[in-house]
Amino acid sequence: MAKRGVTTTELHIPAMDCASEEAEIRRALEGIPGIESLNFQLGERVLGIRSTPETIPSVLQAIEDAGLRATVREASNTSAAAGSRFAGLTREMLQLCAALALALGAEAISFALADGPISTGLQLVLSLTAIALSGLETYKKGLQALRKGRLNINALMSVAVTGAFLIGEWPEAATVMALYSIAELIEARAVDRARNAIKSLLALAPEEAQVRRENGSWEKVPSSAVAMGQVIRVSPGERLPLDGKILKGASAINQAPVTGESLPVDKRVGDPVFAGTINETAELEIEVTAVASDSTIARIIHAVEEAQGSRAPTQRFVDRFAAVYTPGVFFLALAVAIGAPLLLGWDWTAAIYKSLV
């Protein structure tokens, strides 16, 4: 039984598209009172929170402090948000390609031209421009993580690129940042493709169904309003709006959208049929056996969303391992960077470094 005052609020987080952002959000929301559960839907970039209503402002602030932006989701603007996200991804891809071209140009200059003021100046300008185009968001997230004492991938990338830049490896710093940002964008694109696949499943089932009334007439109503046990009519060439059992008629049903079968299947009285499949040859009267929210397609979509939002045991182990390993390696590198000059002297340290690079 749910606690009094506890509701489910869906937050839209545009930048949440992989497990690293999920882990950041989980850490950011730890300790906030009033939260009962978190349901991550990475494909939709949606976080469902069961909590008391007064908790939501604190949740939004915590997510913003983690370097992400969240808004309360409204069903009416979901498609508009998806369209703007696609346009944003296209614009960002062009920007990152330009950054990579500049970084590779700096690399080419470092190999083709001898060291000198012109060569050095060109490398510096091209590298700085490439990092500005590709790395500002990474730096923003990395600095926020460092400020909170968390060594996530953004913090490590920020430190690594800054270190490479400070020791004069400008083209390498720019190339690494551009490649990392492009990899992040490709991952976001993959998540978008998964989300679009789910949307295409939703579009399979018609939004309206012809329902038989008590007086024998037929009326079109929203599929979501049809109850179990009611009788619907499906004409040839139409998609089935709901799961059911044939009461009258016989027809060939194209089940490829749901089951993947390459050939239509003959169906007759008593046979089960699924929402989203196509009635090909004759009119059918069907008794509804599952409401729209519990149809075969709806269960498939729900299973996919649950799989995207849940973490496998291996992923949980990696998260625990990284929580210890990453800070350990970071502080070990920091200790070597500080301790080597003190113990060996600057001359020996410089000689070792030159032998490595």
Protein backbone atom coordinates (compact mmCIF):
# COMPACT_ATOMS: atom_id res chain seq x y z
CA MET A 1 0.00 0.00 0.00
CA ALA A 2 1.44 3.38 -1.04
CA LYS A 3 2.18 5.93 1.62
CA ARG A 4 -0.12 8.88 1.86
CA GLY A 5 0.99 11.79 -0.30
CA VAL A 6 3.45 9.73 -2.36
CA THR A 7 3.12 10.25 -6.12
CA THR A 8 5.11 9.37 -9.25
CA THR A 9 6.70 12.29 -11.09
CA GLU A 10 8.44 11.92 -14.44
CA LEU A 11 11.44 14.13 -15.13
CA HIS A 12 12.84 14.69 -18.61
CA ILE A 13 16.67 14.83 -18.57
CA PRO A 14 17.96 15.51 -22.13
CA ALA A 15 21.60 14.61 -21.37
CA MET A 16 20.81 11.28 -19.67
CA ASP A 17 21.57 8.63 -22.27
CA CYS A 18 23.93 6.10 -20.68
CA ALA A 19 24.80 4.33 -17.44
CA SER A 20 27.35 6.96 -16.39
CA GLU A 21 24.69 9.69 -16.21
CA GLU A 22 22.41 7.27 -14.39
CA ALA A 23 25.12 6.61 -11.80
CA GLU A 24 25.71 10.36 -11.38
CA ILE A 25 22.02 10.99 -10.79
CA ARG A 26 21.75 8.11 -8.31
CA ARG A 27 24.64 9.55 -6.30
CA ALA A 28 23.20 13.07 -6.52
CA LEU A 29 19.84 11.93 -5.12
CA GLU A 30 21.25 9.82 -2.30
CA GLY A 31 20.21 11.12 1.07
CA ILE A 32 17.28 13.23 -0.15
CA PRO A 33 14.39 12.36 2.18
CA GLY A 34 11.01 11.43 0.75
CA ILE A 35 12.25 9.41 -2.27
CA GLU A 36 10.85 5.87 -2.35
CA SER A 37 12.16 4.62 -5.71
CA LEU A 38 13.81 5.66 -8.96
CA ASN A 39 12.81 4.29 -12.37
CA PHE A 40 15.30 5.14 -15.13
CA GLN A 41 14.12 5.00 -18.76
CA LEU A 42 17.33 5.79 -20.62
CA GLY A 43 15.76 5.38 -24.04
CA GLU A 44 13.20 8.07 -23.28
CA ARG A 45 15.65 10.11 -21.15
CA VAL A 46 13.04 10.00 -18.42
CA LEU A 47 13.43 9.45 -14.67
CA GLY A 48 10.34 8.35 -12.77
CA ILE A 49 10.47 9.27 -9.07
CA ARG A 50 8.10 7.97 -6.42
CA SER A 51 8.24 10.59 -3.72
CA THR A 52 6.31 13.21 -1.84
CA PRO A 53 5.53 16.29 -3.97
CA GLU A 54 7.58 18.63 -1.79
CA THR A 55 10.69 16.57 -2.60
CA ILE A 56 10.70 17.45 -6.33
CA PRO A 57 12.33 20.94 -6.03
CA SER A 58 15.21 19.40 -4.06
CA VAL A 59 15.53 16.65 -6.69
CA LEU A 60 15.66 19.18 -9.54
CA GLN A 61 18.32 21.20 -7.73
CA ALA A 62 20.43 18.09 -6.96
CA ILE A 63 20.33 17.01 -10.61
CA GLU A 64 21.33 20.52 -11.73
CA ASP A 65 24.21 20.50 -9.23
CA ALA A 66 25.37 17.25 -10.86
CA GLY A 67 25.75 19.08 -14.18
CA LEU A 68 22.48 17.93 -15.77
CA ARG A 69 19.24 19.74 -16.50
CA ALA A 70 15.86 18.24 -15.60
CA THR A 71 12.29 19.39 -16.18
CA VAL A 72 8.98 17.89 -15.13
CA ARG A 73 7.73 15.92 -18.09
CA GLU A 74 4.48 16.82 -19.80
CA ALA A 75 2.92 14.44 -22.31
CA SER A 76 1.85 17.29 -24.60
CA ASN A 77 5.39 18.42 -25.42
CA THR A 78 7.06 15.02 -25.73
CA SER A 79 7.13 15.00 -29.54
CA ALA A 80 8.35 18.59 -29.70
CA ALA A 81 11.16 17.77 -27.27
CA ALA A 82 12.15 14.75 -29.38
CA GLY A 83 12.28 16.92 -32.52
CA SER A 84 14.41 19.59 -30.86
CA ARG A 85 16.71 16.90 -29.47
CA PHE A 86 17.24 15.48 -32.99
CA ALA A 87 18.03 18.94 -34.37
CA GLY A 88 20.43 19.51 -31.46
CA LEU A 89 22.22 16.22 -32.14
CA THR A 90 22.70 17.11 -35.81
CA ARG A 91 24.08 20.56 -34.96
CA GLU A 92 26.36 19.08 -32.30
CA MET A 93 27.69 16.45 -34.70
CA LEU A 94 28.68 19.13 -37.21
CA GLN A 95 30.36 21.11 -34.43
CA LEU A 96 32.32 18.08 -33.21
CA CYS A 97 33.40 17.15 -36.73
CA ALA A 98 34.77 20.68 -37.10
CA ALA A 99 36.58 20.30 -33.77
CA LEU A 100 38.13 17.00 -34.88
CA ALA A 101 39.24 18.55 -38.18
CA LEU A 102 40.94 21.40 -36.31
CA ALA A 103 42.62 18.96 -33.90
CA LEU A 104 43.91 16.83 -36.77
CA GLY A 105 45.08 20.00 -38.50
CA ALA A 106 47.11 20.88 -35.41
CA GLU A 107 48.58 17.35 -35.43
CA ALA A 108 49.49 17.69 -39.11
CA ILE A 109 51.23 21.03 -38.49
CA SER A 110 53.25 19.54 -35.63
CA PHE A 111 54.56 16.82 -37.98
CA ALA A 112 54.93 18.86 -41.16
CA LEU A 113 56.46 22.09 -39.90
CA ALA A 114 59.62 22.62 -37.92
CA ASP A 115 59.33 24.08 -34.45
CA GLY A 116 59.05 27.83 -34.57
CA PRO A 117 56.80 30.73 -33.61
CA ILE A 118 54.45 30.25 -36.58
CA SER A 119 54.11 26.48 -36.12
CA THR A 120 53.67 26.80 -32.36
CA GLY A 121 51.13 29.60 -32.72
CA LEU A 122 49.04 27.69 -35.28
CA GLN A 123 49.03 24.56 -33.13
CA LEU A 124 47.97 26.52 -30.07
CA VAL A 125 45.15 28.39 -31.83
CA LEU A 126 43.78 25.30 -33.59
CA SER A 127 43.96 23.18 -30.42
CA LEU A 128 42.28 25.81 -28.24
CA THR A 129 39.50 26.24 -30.80
CA ALA A 130 38.97 22.47 -31.04
CA ILE A 131 38.76 22.10 -27.26
CA ALA A 132 36.37 25.06 -27.05
CA LEU A 133 34.10 23.47 -29.68
CA SER A 134 34.11 19.96 -28.22
CA GLY A 135 34.99 20.12 -24.54
CA LEU A 136 33.14 22.91 -22.77
CA GLU A 137 30.30 20.65 -21.61
CA THR A 138 32.78 18.00 -20.47
CA TYR A 139 34.75 20.61 -18.53
CA LYS A 140 31.56 21.93 -16.92
CA LYS A 141 30.55 18.46 -15.73
CA GLY A 142 34.12 17.60 -14.73
CA LEU A 143 34.60 20.73 -12.62
CA GLN A 144 31.28 20.15 -10.86
CA ALA A 145 32.30 16.56 -10.13
CA LEU A 146 35.70 17.64 -8.78
CA ARG A 147 34.04 20.30 -6.63
CA LYS A 148 31.93 17.55 -5.05
CA GLY A 149 34.90 15.18 -4.70
CA ARG A 150 33.68 12.70 -7.33
CA LEU A 151 36.09 11.31 -9.91
CA ASN A 152 33.81 10.37 -12.78
CA ILE A 153 34.75 10.09 -16.45
CA ASN A 154 34.16 13.81 -17.07
CA ALA A 155 36.49 14.75 -14.20
CA LEU A 156 39.19 12.39 -15.46
CA MET A 157 38.89 13.68 -19.04
CA SER A 158 39.09 17.28 -17.83
CA VAL A 159 42.21 16.58 -15.77
CA ALA A 160 43.86 14.52 -18.53
CA VAL A 161 43.26 17.09 -21.28
CA THR A 162 44.34 19.97 -19.04
CA GLY A 163 47.52 18.09 -18.08
CA ALA A 164 48.36 17.32 -21.70
CA PHE A 165 47.79 20.96 -22.61
CA LEU A 166 50.01 22.24 -19.77
CA ILE A 167 52.96 20.07 -20.81
CA GLY A 168 52.73 21.36 -24.38
CA GLU A 169 50.97 18.43 -26.06
CA TRP A 170 48.28 20.70 -27.50
CA PRO A 171 47.26 18.70 -30.60
CA GLU A 172 47.01 15.49 -28.56
CA ALA A 173 44.85 17.20 -25.93
CA ALA A 174 42.51 18.57 -28.60
CA THR A 175 42.28 15.24 -30.45
CA VAL A 176 41.49 13.27 -27.30
CA MET A 177 38.75 15.71 -26.29
CA ALA A 178 37.19 15.74 -29.76
CA LEU A 179 37.21 11.94 -30.05
CA TYR A 180 35.73 11.55 -26.57
CA SER A 181 32.93 14.01 -27.31
CA ILE A 182 32.17 12.30 -30.62
CA ALA A 183 31.98 8.92 -28.85
CA GLU A 184 29.53 10.41 -26.34
CA LEU A 185 27.40 11.77 -29.16
CA ILE A 186 27.40 8.42 -30.99
CA GLU A 187 26.19 6.78 -27.80
CA ALA A 188 23.41 9.35 -27.55
CA ARG A 189 22.44 8.63 -31.16
CA ALA A 190 22.25 4.89 -30.39
CA VAL A 191 19.90 5.60 -27.49
CA ASP A 192 17.76 7.76 -29.77
CA ARG A 193 17.49 4.92 -32.27
CA ALA A 194 16.31 2.59 -29.52
CA ARG A 195 13.73 5.16 -28.42
CA ASN A 196 12.49 5.58 -32.00
CA ALA A 197 12.14 1.81 -32.31
CA ILE A 198 9.91 1.82 -29.22
CA LYS A 199 7.85 4.66 -30.70
CA SER A 200 7.40 2.71 -33.90
CA LEU A 201 5.99 -0.16 -31.83
CA LEU A 202 3.54 2.22 -30.19
CA ALA A 203 2.41 3.41 -33.61
CA LEU A 204 1.52 -0.12 -34.73
CA ALA A 205 -1.76 -0.27 -32.81
CA PRO A 206 -4.52 2.10 -34.04
CA GLU A 207 -5.70 4.72 -31.57
CA GLU A 208 -9.37 3.99 -32.29
CA ALA A 209 -11.48 0.84 -32.43
CA GLN A 210 -14.98 0.02 -33.68
CA VAL A 211 -16.91 -1.28 -30.66
CA ARG A 212 -20.27 -3.05 -30.76
CA ARG A 213 -22.87 -1.46 -28.51
CA GLU A 214 -25.74 -3.25 -26.75
CA ASN A 215 -28.19 -2.25 -29.49
CA GLY A 216 -25.96 -3.88 -32.12
CA SER A 217 -24.61 -0.64 -33.60
CA TRP A 218 -20.91 0.05 -34.06
CA GLU A 219 -19.16 3.09 -32.64
CA LYS A 220 -15.59 4.33 -32.96
CA VAL A 221 -14.00 4.95 -29.56
CA PRO A 222 -10.39 5.40 -28.33
CA SER A 223 -8.64 2.05 -28.01
CA SER A 224 -7.64 2.95 -24.46
CA ALA A 225 -11.34 3.14 -23.50
CA VAL A 226 -12.20 -0.38 -24.67
CA ALA A 227 -12.71 -2.84 -21.80
CA MET A 228 -12.02 -6.56 -21.71
CA GLY A 229 -14.90 -8.64 -23.05
CA GLN A 230 -16.16 -6.00 -25.47
CA VAL A 231 -16.46 -6.88 -29.15
CA ILE A 232 -14.62 -4.92 -31.82
CA ARG A 233 -14.81 -5.05 -35.62
CA VAL A 234 -11.77 -4.97 -37.92
CA SER A 235 -12.16 -4.49 -41.67
CA PRO A 236 -9.81 -5.97 -44.30
CA GLY A 237 -6.57 -4.00 -44.60
CA GLU A 238 -6.83 -2.53 -41.10
CA ARG A 239 -4.53 -3.09 -38.14
CA LEU A 240 -5.93 -4.70 -35.02
CA PRO A 241 -6.19 -2.14 -32.22
CA LEU A 242 -6.23 -4.66 -29.34
CA ASP A 243 -5.44 -8.25 -28.42
CA GLY A 244 -8.41 -10.58 -28.66
CA LYS A 245 -10.07 -13.81 -29.74
CA ILE A 246 -11.98 -14.16 -33.02
CA LEU A 247 -15.76 -14.51 -32.53
CA LYS A 248 -16.87 -14.25 -36.15
CA GLY A 249 -15.10 -14.54 -39.47
CA ALA A 250 -11.90 -16.03 -40.85
CA SER A 251 -8.98 -14.17 -42.38
CA ALA A 252 -5.28 -14.17 -43.06
CA ILE A 253 -3.42 -12.09 -40.43
CA ASN A 254 -0.02 -10.56 -41.13
CA GLN A 255 1.76 -10.94 -37.77
CA ALA A 256 5.19 -9.83 -38.98
CA PRO A 257 5.10 -6.50 -37.05
CA VAL A 258 4.81 -8.41 -33.76
CA THR A 259 6.13 -11.94 -34.24
CA GLY A 260 8.38 -11.50 -37.29
CA GLU A 261 6.67 -14.28 -39.26
CA SER A 262 7.31 -13.77 -42.95
CA LEU A 263 3.94 -15.14 -44.18
CA PRO A 264 0.37 -14.29 -43.11
CA VAL A 265 -1.27 -16.78 -40.74
CA ASP A 266 -4.81 -18.08 -41.34
CA LYS A 267 -7.03 -17.32 -38.37
CA ARG A 268 -10.56 -18.53 -37.66
CA VAL A 269 -13.11 -18.50 -34.84
CA GLY A 270 -11.46 -19.08 -31.45
CA ASP A 271 -7.93 -18.18 -32.54
CA PRO A 272 -6.03 -15.45 -30.65
CA VAL A 273 -4.95 -12.29 -32.48
CA PHE A 274 -2.62 -9.46 -31.44
CA ALA A 275 -2.77 -5.69 -31.51
CA GLY A 276 -0.67 -4.16 -34.30
CA THR A 277 -1.09 -7.09 -36.69
CA ILE A 278 -2.82 -6.58 -40.06
CA ASN A 279 -6.14 -8.13 -41.10
CA GLU A 280 -5.68 -8.92 -44.80
CA THR A 281 -8.68 -10.66 -46.36
CA ALA A 282 -12.00 -10.54 -44.48
CA GLU A 283 -13.92 -8.66 -41.80
CA LEU A 284 -13.51 -10.00 -38.26
CA GLU A 285 -15.39 -9.59 -35.02
CA ILE A 286 -13.06 -9.97 -32.06
CA GLU A 287 -13.63 -10.29 -28.33
CA VAL A 288 -11.07 -8.15 -26.49
CA THR A 289 -8.89 -10.20 -24.12
CA ALA A 290 -6.52 -7.46 -22.93
CA VAL A 291 -6.89 -3.72 -22.49
CA ALA A 292 -4.60 -1.38 -24.42
CA SER A 293 -2.15 -0.97 -21.54
CA ASP A 294 -1.78 -4.77 -21.24
CA SER A 295 -1.63 -5.76 -24.91
CA THR A 296 1.24 -7.79 -26.33
CA ILE A 297 2.85 -4.66 -27.80
CA ALA A 298 2.45 -2.75 -24.53
CA ARG A 299 4.12 -5.61 -22.62
CA ILE A 300 7.01 -5.70 -25.12
CA ILE A 301 7.54 -1.95 -24.73
CA HIS A 302 7.35 -2.22 -20.93
CA ALA A 303 9.90 -5.05 -20.94
CA VAL A 304 12.32 -3.04 -23.11
CA GLU A 305 11.99 0.02 -20.86
CA GLU A 306 12.59 -2.08 -17.75
CA ALA A 307 15.65 -3.68 -19.35
CA GLN A 308 17.07 -0.25 -20.19
CA GLY A 309 16.41 1.08 -16.72
CA SER A 310 17.73 -1.88 -14.72
CA ARG A 311 21.38 -2.58 -14.02
CA ALA A 312 22.88 -6.00 -14.62
CA PRO A 313 24.94 -7.64 -11.82
CA THR A 314 28.10 -7.11 -13.89
CA GLN A 315 27.36 -3.41 -14.21
CA ARG A 316 26.78 -3.10 -10.46
CA PHE A 317 30.12 -4.85 -9.84
CA VAL A 318 31.91 -2.53 -12.29
CA ASP A 319 30.38 0.50 -10.57
CA ARG A 320 31.62 -0.70 -7.15
CA PHE A 321 35.04 -1.55 -8.58
CA ALA A 322 35.37 1.82 -10.35
CA ALA A 323 34.43 3.64 -7.14
CA VAL A 324 37.65 2.31 -5.60
CA TYR A 325 39.91 1.84 -8.63
CA THR A 326 39.45 5.25 -10.28
CA PRO A 327 40.28 7.39 -7.21
CA GLY A 328 43.19 5.05 -6.42
CA VAL A 329 44.78 5.48 -9.86
CA PHE A 330 44.11 9.23 -9.83
CA PHE A 331 45.80 9.80 -6.48
CA LEU A 332 48.66 7.45 -7.39
CA ALA A 333 49.33 9.52 -10.52
CA LEU A 334 49.10 12.69 -8.46
CA ALA A 335 51.55 11.29 -5.90
CA VAL A 336 54.03 10.34 -8.64
CA ALA A 337 53.70 13.76 -10.27
CA ILE A 338 54.43 15.53 -6.99
CA GLY A 339 56.83 13.00 -5.44
CA ALA A 340 59.10 12.30 -8.41
CA PRO A 341 60.60 15.82 -8.63
CA LEU A 342 61.04 15.93 -4.86
CA LEU A 343 62.74 12.53 -4.63
CA LEU A 344 64.69 12.43 -7.90
CA GLY A 345 65.14 16.09 -8.72
CA TRP A 346 63.85 17.95 -11.75
CA ASP A 347 66.69 16.85 -14.05
CA TRP A 348 66.07 13.13 -13.50
CA THR A 349 62.31 13.59 -13.74
CA ALA A 350 62.63 15.49 -17.03
CA ALA A 351 64.97 12.79 -18.42
CA ILE A 352 62.51 10.01 -17.51
CA TYR A 353 59.62 11.92 -19.03
CA LYS A 354 61.50 12.52 -22.30
CA SER A 355 62.40 8.84 -22.54
CA LEU A 356 58.72 7.94 -22.23
CA VAL A 357 57.37 10.38 -24.79
